[in-house]
Amino acid sequence: MIPSFAVERTQEIIHIIFQLKEEGIIPNIPVYLDSPMVLKATLVFDKYPQWQDVSHFDLSHMYKNINFISDTEQSKAVVLNDQPKIVIAGSGMLEGGRILQFLT
């Protein structure tokens, strides 16, 4: 079972980033979603839009500029890339998971 609080929080963050970019408040830099669990949950959310309080327009556009990372090699490449970016990664309570690559 996927804990809904973690999944919904990620979807909310993605939506907020989308809105901030649309309004020109933050620059249009790449956004990476680096969490295998949340990636799978995002696909479920997309399949059932009635579970969200987001407009059809926003849903159809908010993932357009998200780079979904599906394997460890892609994750390592993002870590090595020194260009500005936003990374959403599973925290593992900062004791495990891919987030540790970004913190070192």
PDB file of N, CA and C in Angstrom:
ATOM      1  N   MET A   1       0.840  -1.184   0.000  1.00  0.00           N
ATOM      2  CA  MET A   1       0.000   0.000   0.000  1.00  0.00           C
ATOM      3  C   MET A   1       0.886   1.249   0.000  1.00  0.00           C
ATOM      4  N   ILE A   2       0.553   2.219  -0.824  1.00  0.00           N
ATOM      5  CA  ILE A   2       1.307   3.466  -0.909  1.00  0.00           C
ATOM      6  C   ILE A   2       0.703   4.473   0.056  1.00  0.00           C
ATOM      7  N   PRO A   3       1.507   5.047   0.958  1.00  0.00           N
ATOM      8  CA  PRO A   3       0.946   6.043   1.867  1.00  0.00           C
ATOM      9  C   PRO A   3       0.523   7.286   1.090  1.00  0.00           C
ATOM     10  N   SER A   4      -0.748   7.601   1.167  1.00  0.00           N
ATOM     11  CA  SER A   4      -1.284   8.686   0.333  1.00  0.00           C
ATOM     12  C   SER A   4      -0.712  10.042   0.693  1.00  0.00           C
ATOM     13  N   PHE A   5      -0.337  10.264   1.971  1.00  0.00           N
ATOM     14  CA  PHE A   5       0.183  11.573   2.335  1.00  0.00           C
ATOM     15  C   PHE A   5       1.463  11.899   1.586  1.00  0.00           C
ATOM     16  N   ALA A   6       2.344  10.920   1.381  1.00  0.00           N
ATOM     17  CA  ALA A   6       3.601  11.161   0.673  1.00  0.00           C
ATOM     18  C   ALA A   6       3.342  11.394  -0.804  1.00  0.00           C
ATOM     19  N   VAL A   7       2.454  10.609  -1.355  1.00  0.00           N
ATOM     20  CA  VAL A   7       2.160  10.727  -2.781  1.00  0.00           C
ATOM     21  C   VAL A   7       1.458  12.043  -3.070  1.00  0.00           C
ATOM     22  N   GLU A   8       0.440  12.335  -2.321  1.00  0.00           N
ATOM     23  CA  GLU A   8      -0.288  13.580  -2.573  1.00  0.00           C
ATOM     24  C   GLU A   8       0.600  14.793  -2.391  1.00  0.00           C
ATOM     25  N   ARG A   9       1.514  14.738  -1.457  1.00  0.00           N
ATOM     26  CA  ARG A   9       2.415  15.867  -1.232  1.00  0.00           C
ATOM     27  C   ARG A   9       3.267  16.112  -2.468  1.00  0.00           C
ATOM     28  N   THR A  10       3.766  15.052  -3.071  1.00  0.00           N
ATOM     29  CA  THR A  10       4.582  15.192  -4.278  1.00  0.00           C
ATOM     30  C   THR A  10       3.762  15.790  -5.408  1.00  0.00           C
ATOM     31  N   GLN A  11       2.540  15.309  -5.602  1.00  0.00           N
ATOM     32  CA  GLN A  11       1.695  15.841  -6.668  1.00  0.00           C
ATOM     33  C   GLN A  11       1.421  17.325  -6.421  1.00  0.00           C
ATOM     34  N   GLU A  12       1.231  17.687  -5.165  1.00  0.00           N
ATOM     35  CA  GLU A  12       0.984  19.089  -4.828  1.00  0.00           C
ATOM     36  C   GLU A  12       2.210  19.944  -5.129  1.00  0.00           C
ATOM     37  N   ILE A  13       3.392  19.449  -4.795  1.00  0.00           N
ATOM     38  CA  ILE A  13       4.624  20.187  -5.086  1.00  0.00           C
ATOM     39  C   ILE A  13       4.786  20.375  -6.595  1.00  0.00           C
ATOM     40  N   ILE A  14       4.530  19.322  -7.359  1.00  0.00           N
ATOM     41  CA  ILE A  14       4.620  19.424  -8.821  1.00  0.00           C
ATOM     42  C   ILE A  14       3.649  20.479  -9.335  1.00  0.00           C
ATOM     43  N   HIS A  15       2.442  20.489  -8.792  1.00  0.00           N
ATOM     44  CA  HIS A  15       1.448  21.475  -9.218  1.00  0.00           C
ATOM     45  C   HIS A  15       1.876  22.896  -8.855  1.00  0.00           C
ATOM     46  N   ILE A  16       2.431  23.075  -7.665  1.00  0.00           N
ATOM     47  CA  ILE A  16       2.895  24.406  -7.247  1.00  0.00           C
ATOM     48  C   ILE A  16       4.034  24.882  -8.149  1.00  0.00           C
ATOM     49  N   ILE A  17       4.977  23.999  -8.450  1.00  0.00           N
ATOM     50  CA  ILE A  17       6.077  24.370  -9.356  1.00  0.00           C
ATOM     51  C   ILE A  17       5.525  24.765 -10.711  1.00  0.00           C
ATOM     52  N   PHE A  18       4.555  24.006 -11.220  1.00  0.00           N
ATOM     53  CA  PHE A  18       3.914  24.334 -12.497  1.00  0.00           C
ATOM     54  C   PHE A  18       3.304  25.735 -12.439  1.00  0.00           C
ATOM     55  N   GLN A  19       2.561  26.028 -11.372  1.00  0.00           N
ATOM     56  CA  GLN A  19       1.929  27.342 -11.248  1.00  0.00           C
ATOM     57  C   GLN A  19       2.970  28.458 -11.162  1.00  0.00           C
ATOM     58  N   LEU A  20       4.026  28.249 -10.393  1.00  0.00           N
ATOM     59  CA  LEU A  20       5.065  29.266 -10.257  1.00  0.00           C
ATOM     60  C   LEU A  20       5.757  29.547 -11.586  1.00  0.00           C
ATOM     61  N   LYS A  21       5.988  28.514 -12.367  1.00  0.00           N
ATOM     62  CA  LYS A  21       6.584  28.697 -13.690  1.00  0.00           C
ATOM     63  C   LYS A  21       5.619  29.428 -14.613  1.00  0.00           C
ATOM     64  N   GLU A  22       4.349  29.027 -14.589  1.00  0.00           N
ATOM     65  CA  GLU A  22       3.340  29.665 -15.444  1.00  0.00           C
ATOM     66  C   GLU A  22       3.223  31.159 -15.154  1.00  0.00           C
ATOM     67  N   GLU A  23       3.349  31.531 -13.882  1.00  0.00           N
ATOM     68  CA  GLU A  23       3.228  32.931 -13.471  1.00  0.00           C
ATOM     69  C   GLU A  23       4.554  33.688 -13.591  1.00  0.00           C
ATOM     70  N   GLY A  24       5.611  33.003 -13.993  1.00  0.00           N
ATOM     71  CA  GLY A  24       6.911  33.644 -14.158  1.00  0.00           C
ATOM     72  C   GLY A  24       7.598  33.980 -12.845  1.00  0.00           C
ATOM     73  N   ILE A  25       7.169  33.356 -11.769  1.00  0.00           N
ATOM     74  CA  ILE A  25       7.756  33.634 -10.460  1.00  0.00           C
ATOM     75  C   ILE A  25       9.087  32.918 -10.302  1.00  0.00           C
ATOM     76  N   ILE A  26       9.195  31.737 -10.880  1.00  0.00           N
ATOM     77  CA  ILE A  26      10.480  31.030 -10.873  1.00  0.00           C
ATOM     78  C   ILE A  26      10.883  30.780 -12.326  1.00  0.00           C
ATOM     79  N   PRO A  27      12.174  30.659 -12.582  1.00  0.00           N
ATOM     80  CA  PRO A  27      12.626  30.440 -13.961  1.00  0.00           C
ATOM     81  C   PRO A  27      12.224  29.058 -14.463  1.00  0.00           C
ATOM     82  N   ASN A  28      12.227  28.905 -15.749  1.00  0.00           N
ATOM     83  CA  ASN A  28      11.851  27.641 -16.377  1.00  0.00           C
ATOM     84  C   ASN A  28      13.069  26.714 -16.428  1.00  0.00           C
ATOM     85  N   ILE A  29      13.470  26.252 -15.253  1.00  0.00           N
ATOM     86  CA  ILE A  29      14.587  25.319 -15.170  1.00  0.00           C
ATOM     87  C   ILE A  29      14.044  23.894 -15.129  1.00  0.00           C
ATOM     88  N   PRO A  30      14.873  22.914 -15.474  1.00  0.00           N
ATOM     89  CA  PRO A  30      14.399  21.522 -15.474  1.00  0.00           C
ATOM     90  C   PRO A  30      13.955  21.069 -14.088  1.00  0.00           C
ATOM     91  N   VAL A  31      12.935  20.227 -14.072  1.00  0.00           N
ATOM     92  CA  VAL A  31      12.445  19.614 -12.839  1.00  0.00           C
ATOM     93  C   VAL A  31      12.554  18.106 -13.014  1.00  0.00           C
ATOM     94  N   TYR A  32      13.141  17.455 -12.023  1.00  0.00           N
ATOM     95  CA  TYR A  32      13.326  16.006 -12.061  1.00  0.00           C
ATOM     96  C   TYR A  32      12.557  15.365 -10.914  1.00  0.00           C
ATOM     97  N   LEU A  33      11.838  14.309 -11.221  1.00  0.00           N
ATOM     98  CA  LEU A  33      11.176  13.505 -10.197  1.00  0.00           C
ATOM     99  C   LEU A  33      11.967  12.214 -10.081  1.00  0.00           C
ATOM    100  N   ASP A  34      12.684  12.075  -8.968  1.00  0.00           N
ATOM    101  CA  ASP A  34      13.591  10.945  -8.771  1.00  0.00           C
ATOM    102  C   ASP A  34      13.125  10.115  -7.574  1.00  0.00           C
ATOM    103  N   SER A  35      12.052   9.401  -7.768  1.00  0.00           N
ATOM    104  CA  SER A  35      11.512   8.526  -6.728  1.00  0.00           C
ATOM    105  C   SER A  35      10.690   7.447  -7.422  1.00  0.00           C
ATOM    106  N   PRO A  36      11.198   6.238  -7.485  1.00  0.00           N
ATOM    107  CA  PRO A  36      10.464   5.176  -8.184  1.00  0.00           C
ATOM    108  C   PRO A  36       9.031   4.985  -7.667  1.00  0.00           C
ATOM    109  N   MET A  37       8.841   5.051  -6.345  1.00  0.00           N
ATOM    110  CA  MET A  37       7.506   4.866  -5.792  1.00  0.00           C
ATOM    111  C   MET A  37       6.564   5.983  -6.244  1.00  0.00           C
ATOM    112  N   VAL A  38       7.036   7.212  -6.160  1.00  0.00           N
ATOM    113  CA  VAL A  38       6.181   8.338  -6.534  1.00  0.00           C
ATOM    114  C   VAL A  38       5.943   8.350  -8.042  1.00  0.00           C
ATOM    115  N   LEU A  39       6.912   7.906  -8.823  1.00  0.00           N
ATOM    116  CA  LEU A  39       6.721   7.805 -10.266  1.00  0.00           C
ATOM    117  C   LEU A  39       5.559   6.868 -10.582  1.00  0.00           C
ATOM    118  N   LYS A  40       5.542   5.713  -9.940  1.00  0.00           N
ATOM    119  CA  LYS A  40       4.450   4.769 -10.161  1.00  0.00           C
ATOM    120  C   LYS A  40       3.123   5.343  -9.684  1.00  0.00           C
ATOM    121  N   ALA A  41       3.134   6.011  -8.557  1.00  0.00           N
ATOM    122  CA  ALA A  41       1.904   6.604  -8.032  1.00  0.00           C
ATOM    123  C   ALA A  41       1.405   7.727  -8.942  1.00  0.00           C
ATOM    124  N   THR A  42       2.312   8.481  -9.534  1.00  0.00           N
ATOM    125  CA  THR A  42       1.929   9.549 -10.457  1.00  0.00           C
ATOM    126  C   THR A  42       1.171   8.981 -11.648  1.00  0.00           C
ATOM    127  N   LEU A  43       1.615   7.838 -12.140  1.00  0.00           N
ATOM    128  CA  LEU A  43       0.918   7.196 -13.254  1.00  0.00           C
ATOM    129  C   LEU A  43      -0.503   6.794 -12.849  1.00  0.00           C
ATOM    130  N   VAL A  44      -0.676   6.365 -11.609  1.00  0.00           N
ATOM    131  CA  VAL A  44      -2.013   6.031 -11.116  1.00  0.00           C
ATOM    132  C   VAL A  44      -2.861   7.302 -11.024  1.00  0.00           C
ATOM    133  N   PHE A  45      -2.294   8.376 -10.490  1.00  0.00           N
ATOM    134  CA  PHE A  45      -3.029   9.635 -10.399  1.00  0.00           C
ATOM    135  C   PHE A  45      -3.464  10.110 -11.775  1.00  0.00           C
ATOM    136  N   ASP A  46      -2.593   9.969 -12.753  1.00  0.00           N
ATOM    137  CA  ASP A  46      -2.939  10.376 -14.118  1.00  0.00           C
ATOM    138  C   ASP A  46      -4.073   9.533 -14.683  1.00  0.00           C
ATOM    139  N   LYS A  47      -4.105   8.282 -14.302  1.00  0.00           N
ATOM    140  CA  LYS A  47      -5.142   7.379 -14.797  1.00  0.00           C
ATOM    141  C   LYS A  47      -6.502   7.701 -14.190  1.00  0.00           C
ATOM    142  N   TYR A  48      -6.513   8.287 -12.990  1.00  0.00           N
ATOM    143  CA  TYR A  48      -7.762   8.591 -12.282  1.00  0.00           C
ATOM    144  C   TYR A  48      -7.811  10.071 -11.902  1.00  0.00           C
ATOM    145  N   PRO A  49      -8.021  10.949 -12.873  1.00  0.00           N
ATOM    146  CA  PRO A  49      -8.002  12.388 -12.581  1.00  0.00           C
ATOM    147  C   PRO A  49      -9.100  12.815 -11.609  1.00  0.00           C
ATOM    148  N   GLN A  50     -10.134  12.016 -11.462  1.00  0.00           N
ATOM    149  CA  GLN A  50     -11.203  12.370 -10.544  1.00  0.00           C
ATOM    150  C   GLN A  50     -10.724  12.348  -9.083  1.00  0.00           C
ATOM    151  N   TRP A  51      -9.559  11.783  -8.820  1.00  0.00           N
ATOM    152  CA  TRP A  51      -9.002  11.759  -7.475  1.00  0.00           C
ATOM    153  C   TRP A  51      -8.356  13.087  -7.101  1.00  0.00           C
ATOM    154  N   GLN A  52      -8.256  14.007  -8.052  1.00  0.00           N
ATOM    155  CA  GLN A  52      -7.542  15.259  -7.823  1.00  0.00           C
ATOM    156  C   GLN A  52      -8.482  16.444  -7.964  1.00  0.00           C
ATOM    157  N   ASP A  53      -8.127  17.506  -7.284  1.00  0.00           N
ATOM    158  CA  ASP A  53      -8.874  18.749  -7.392  1.00  0.00           C
ATOM    159  C   ASP A  53      -8.141  19.727  -8.307  1.00  0.00           C
ATOM    160  N   VAL A  54      -7.566  19.205  -9.365  1.00  0.00           N
ATOM    161  CA  VAL A  54      -6.802  20.009 -10.316  1.00  0.00           C
ATOM    162  C   VAL A  54      -7.564  20.009 -11.636  1.00  0.00           C
ATOM    163  N   SER A  55      -7.590  21.148 -12.292  1.00  0.00           N
ATOM    164  CA  SER A  55      -8.333  21.246 -13.547  1.00  0.00           C
ATOM    165  C   SER A  55      -7.749  20.327 -14.615  1.00  0.00           C
ATOM    166  N   HIS A  56      -8.567  19.962 -15.564  1.00  0.00           N
ATOM    167  CA  HIS A  56      -8.114  19.120 -16.674  1.00  0.00           C
ATOM    168  C   HIS A  56      -6.959  19.800 -17.413  1.00  0.00           C
ATOM    169  N   PHE A  57      -7.050  21.112 -17.604  1.00  0.00           N
ATOM    170  CA  PHE A  57      -5.985  21.861 -18.283  1.00  0.00           C
ATOM    171  C   PHE A  57      -4.667  21.717 -17.525  1.00  0.00           C
ATOM    172  N   ASP A  58      -4.702  21.966 -16.217  1.00  0.00           N
ATOM    173  CA  ASP A  58      -3.480  21.879 -15.422  1.00  0.00           C
ATOM    174  C   ASP A  58      -2.906  20.468 -15.443  1.00  0.00           C
ATOM    175  N   LEU A  59      -3.784  19.465 -15.309  1.00  0.00           N
ATOM    176  CA  LEU A  59      -3.309  18.082 -15.334  1.00  0.00           C
ATOM    177  C   LEU A  59      -2.617  17.742 -16.649  1.00  0.00           C
ATOM    178  N   SER A  60      -3.182  18.254 -17.745  1.00  0.00           N
ATOM    179  CA  SER A  60      -2.613  17.917 -19.046  1.00  0.00           C
ATOM    180  C   SER A  60      -1.304  18.653 -19.319  1.00  0.00           C
ATOM    181  N   HIS A  61      -1.001  19.681 -18.525  1.00  0.00           N
ATOM    182  CA  HIS A  61       0.213  20.462 -18.759  1.00  0.00           C
ATOM    183  C   HIS A  61       1.269  20.363 -17.655  1.00  0.00           C
ATOM    184  N   MET A  62       0.872  20.042 -16.444  1.00  0.00           N
ATOM    185  CA  MET A  62       1.826  20.154 -15.333  1.00  0.00           C
ATOM    186  C   MET A  62       2.946  19.124 -15.375  1.00  0.00           C
ATOM    187  N   TYR A  63       2.727  17.985 -16.019  1.00  0.00           N
ATOM    188  CA  TYR A  63       3.782  16.979 -16.104  1.00  0.00           C
ATOM    189  C   TYR A  63       4.615  17.121 -17.373  1.00  0.00           C
ATOM    190  N   LYS A  64       4.227  18.039 -18.231  1.00  0.00           N
ATOM    191  CA  LYS A  64       4.912  18.189 -19.516  1.00  0.00           C
ATOM    192  C   LYS A  64       6.408  18.466 -19.348  1.00  0.00           C
ATOM    193  N   ASN A  65       6.759  19.257 -18.367  1.00  0.00           N
ATOM    194  CA  ASN A  65       8.163  19.636 -18.189  1.00  0.00           C
ATOM    195  C   ASN A  65       8.823  18.946 -17.004  1.00  0.00           C
ATOM    196  N   ILE A  66       8.244  17.821 -16.577  1.00  0.00           N
ATOM    197  CA  ILE A  66       8.851  17.034 -15.502  1.00  0.00           C
ATOM    198  C   ILE A  66       9.652  15.907 -16.147  1.00  0.00           C
ATOM    199  N   ASN A  67      10.892  15.762 -15.730  1.00  0.00           N
ATOM    200  CA  ASN A  67      11.739  14.671 -16.199  1.00  0.00           C
ATOM    201  C   ASN A  67      11.648  13.542 -15.183  1.00  0.00           C
ATOM    202  N   PHE A  68      11.044  12.454 -15.583  1.00  0.00           N
ATOM    203  CA  PHE A  68      10.863  11.314 -14.694  1.00  0.00           C
ATOM    204  C   PHE A  68      12.104  10.424 -14.756  1.00  0.00           C
ATOM    205  N   ILE A  69      12.727  10.204 -13.622  1.00  0.00           N
ATOM    206  CA  ILE A  69      13.922   9.375 -13.545  1.00  0.00           C
ATOM    207  C   ILE A  69      13.485   7.977 -13.128  1.00  0.00           C
ATOM    208  N   SER A  70      13.824   7.000 -13.967  1.00  0.00           N
ATOM    209  CA  SER A  70      13.345   5.650 -13.694  1.00  0.00           C
ATOM    210  C   SER A  70      14.443   4.686 -13.258  1.00  0.00           C
ATOM    211  N   ASP A  71      15.708   5.083 -13.388  1.00  0.00           N
ATOM    212  CA  ASP A  71      16.754   4.158 -12.955  1.00  0.00           C
ATOM    213  C   ASP A  71      17.918   4.903 -12.306  1.00  0.00           C
ATOM    214  N   THR A  72      18.774   4.141 -11.676  1.00  0.00           N
ATOM    215  CA  THR A  72      19.885   4.702 -10.919  1.00  0.00           C
ATOM    216  C   THR A  72      20.868   5.464 -11.794  1.00  0.00           C
ATOM    217  N   GLU A  73      21.110   4.998 -13.001  1.00  0.00           N
ATOM    218  CA  GLU A  73      22.064   5.678 -13.888  1.00  0.00           C
ATOM    219  C   GLU A  73      21.565   7.073 -14.266  1.00  0.00           C
ATOM    220  N   GLN A  74      20.284   7.203 -14.542  1.00  0.00           N
ATOM    221  CA  GLN A  74      19.720   8.527 -14.827  1.00  0.00           C
ATOM    222  C   GLN A  74      19.879   9.432 -13.608  1.00  0.00           C
ATOM    223  N   SER A  75      19.626   8.880 -12.439  1.00  0.00           N
ATOM    224  CA  SER A  75      19.749   9.643 -11.202  1.00  0.00           C
ATOM    225  C   SER A  75      21.169  10.159 -11.017  1.00  0.00           C
ATOM    226  N   LYS A  76      22.143   9.302 -11.240  1.00  0.00           N
ATOM    227  CA  LYS A  76      23.549   9.695 -11.107  1.00  0.00           C
ATOM    228  C   LYS A  76      23.913  10.783 -12.108  1.00  0.00           C
ATOM    229  N   ALA A  77      23.363  10.700 -13.314  1.00  0.00           N
ATOM    230  CA  ALA A  77      23.635  11.723 -14.337  1.00  0.00           C
ATOM    231  C   ALA A  77      23.100  13.083 -13.903  1.00  0.00           C
ATOM    232  N   VAL A  78      21.947  13.100 -13.273  1.00  0.00           N
ATOM    233  CA  VAL A  78      21.379  14.361 -12.786  1.00  0.00           C
ATOM    234  C   VAL A  78      22.258  14.932 -11.682  1.00  0.00           C
ATOM    235  N   VAL A  79      22.741  14.078 -10.805  1.00  0.00           N
ATOM    236  CA  VAL A  79      23.624  14.524  -9.723  1.00  0.00           C
ATOM    237  C   VAL A  79      24.885  15.163 -10.299  1.00  0.00           C
ATOM    238  N   LEU A  80      25.449  14.565 -11.334  1.00  0.00           N
ATOM    239  CA  LEU A  80      26.694  15.073 -11.922  1.00  0.00           C
ATOM    240  C   LEU A  80      26.495  16.330 -12.764  1.00  0.00           C
ATOM    241  N   ASN A  81      25.287  16.569 -13.224  1.00  0.00           N
ATOM    242  CA  ASN A  81      24.974  17.751 -14.019  1.00  0.00           C
ATOM    243  C   ASN A  81      24.916  18.956 -13.085  1.00  0.00           C
ATOM    244  N   ASP A  82      25.802  19.949 -13.306  1.00  0.00           N
ATOM    245  CA  ASP A  82      25.851  21.092 -12.390  1.00  0.00           C
ATOM    246  C   ASP A  82      24.968  22.266 -12.822  1.00  0.00           C
ATOM    247  N   GLN A  83      24.092  22.053 -13.784  1.00  0.00           N
ATOM    248  CA  GLN A  83      23.166  23.098 -14.218  1.00  0.00           C
ATOM    249  C   GLN A  83      22.053  23.281 -13.172  1.00  0.00           C
ATOM    250  N   PRO A  84      21.473  24.491 -13.095  1.00  0.00           N
ATOM    251  CA  PRO A  84      20.368  24.705 -12.155  1.00  0.00           C
ATOM    252  C   PRO A  84      19.213  23.751 -12.450  1.00  0.00           C
ATOM    253  N   LYS A  85      18.579  23.269 -11.394  1.00  0.00           N
ATOM    254  CA  LYS A  85      17.483  22.322 -11.549  1.00  0.00           C
ATOM    255  C   LYS A  85      16.719  22.215 -10.233  1.00  0.00           C
ATOM    256  N   ILE A  86      15.537  21.668 -10.336  1.00  0.00           N
ATOM    257  CA  ILE A  86      14.743  21.322  -9.162  1.00  0.00           C
ATOM    258  C   ILE A  86      14.641  19.806  -9.168  1.00  0.00           C
ATOM    259  N   VAL A  87      14.968  19.191  -8.031  1.00  0.00           N
ATOM    260  CA  VAL A  87      14.892  17.738  -7.915  1.00  0.00           C
ATOM    261  C   VAL A  87      13.924  17.395  -6.795  1.00  0.00           C
ATOM    262  N   ILE A  88      12.960  16.567  -7.124  1.00  0.00           N
ATOM    263  CA  ILE A  88      12.050  16.017  -6.122  1.00  0.00           C
ATOM    264  C   ILE A  88      12.447  14.555  -5.986  1.00  0.00           C
ATOM    265  N   ALA A  89      12.946  14.203  -4.802  1.00  0.00           N
ATOM    266  CA  ALA A  89      13.438  12.842  -4.594  1.00  0.00           C
ATOM    267  C   ALA A  89      12.903  12.316  -3.275  1.00  0.00           C
ATOM    268  N   GLY A  90      12.733  10.996  -3.213  1.00  0.00           N
ATOM    269  CA  GLY A  90      12.311  10.377  -1.967  1.00  0.00           C
ATOM    270  C   GLY A  90      13.355  10.607  -0.891  1.00  0.00           C
ATOM    271  N   SER A  91      12.910  11.002   0.281  1.00  0.00           N
ATOM    272  CA  SER A  91      13.851  11.387   1.331  1.00  0.00           C
ATOM    273  C   SER A  91      14.384  10.211   2.123  1.00  0.00           C
ATOM    274  N   GLY A  92      13.606   9.155   2.280  1.00  0.00           N
ATOM    275  CA  GLY A  92      14.071   8.058   3.123  1.00  0.00           C
ATOM    276  C   GLY A  92      14.440   8.564   4.501  1.00  0.00           C
ATOM    277  N   MET A  93      13.774   9.606   4.960  1.00  0.00           N
ATOM    278  CA  MET A  93      14.071  10.264   6.237  1.00  0.00           C
ATOM    279  C   MET A  93      15.530  10.747   6.265  1.00  0.00           C
ATOM    280  N   LEU A  94      16.063  11.001   5.095  1.00  0.00           N
ATOM    281  CA  LEU A  94      17.444  11.440   4.897  1.00  0.00           C
ATOM    282  C   LEU A  94      18.462  10.433   5.423  1.00  0.00           C
ATOM    283  N   GLU A  95      18.037   9.188   5.532  1.00  0.00           N
ATOM    284  CA  GLU A  95      18.943   8.130   5.959  1.00  0.00           C
ATOM    285  C   GLU A  95      19.142   7.082   4.873  1.00  0.00           C
ATOM    286  N   GLY A  96      18.419   7.200   3.777  1.00  0.00           N
ATOM    287  CA  GLY A  96      18.539   6.233   2.699  1.00  0.00           C
ATOM    288  C   GLY A  96      17.836   6.748   1.468  1.00  0.00           C
ATOM    289  N   GLY A  97      17.956   6.026   0.414  1.00  0.00           N
ATOM    290  CA  GLY A  97      17.297   6.416  -0.830  1.00  0.00           C
ATOM    291  C   GLY A  97      18.148   7.325  -1.682  1.00  0.00           C
ATOM    292  N   ARG A  98      17.582   7.706  -2.808  1.00  0.00           N
ATOM    293  CA  ARG A  98      18.338   8.483  -3.800  1.00  0.00           C
ATOM    294  C   ARG A  98      18.658   9.891  -3.349  1.00  0.00           C
ATOM    295  N   ILE A  99      17.907  10.412  -2.385  1.00  0.00           N
ATOM    296  CA  ILE A  99      18.155  11.775  -1.940  1.00  0.00           C
ATOM    297  C   ILE A  99      19.592  11.954  -1.443  1.00  0.00           C
ATOM    298  N   LEU A 100      20.185  10.899  -0.905  1.00  0.00           N
ATOM    299  CA  LEU A 100      21.540  11.002  -0.373  1.00  0.00           C
ATOM    300  C   LEU A 100      22.548  11.378  -1.450  1.00  0.00           C
ATOM    301  N   GLN A 101      22.310  10.971  -2.695  1.00  0.00           N
ATOM    302  CA  GLN A 101      23.210  11.345  -3.788  1.00  0.00           C
ATOM    303  C   GLN A 101      23.266  12.859  -3.969  1.00  0.00           C
ATOM    304  N   PHE A 102      22.120  13.511  -3.764  1.00  0.00           N
ATOM    305  CA  PHE A 102      22.042  14.946  -4.001  1.00  0.00           C
ATOM    306  C   PHE A 102      22.596  15.755  -2.830  1.00  0.00           C
ATOM    307  N   LEU A 103      22.701  15.139  -1.674  1.00  0.00           N
ATOM    308  CA  LEU A 103      23.161  15.852  -0.493  1.00  0.00           C
ATOM    309  C   LEU A 103      24.653  15.766  -0.273  1.00  0.00           C
ATOM    310  N   THR A 104      25.326  14.881  -0.992  1.00  0.00           N
ATOM    311  CA  THR A 104      26.768  14.716  -0.768  1.00  0.00           C
ATOM    312  C   THR A 104      27.587  15.580  -1.689  1.00  0.00           C
TER     313      THR A 104
END
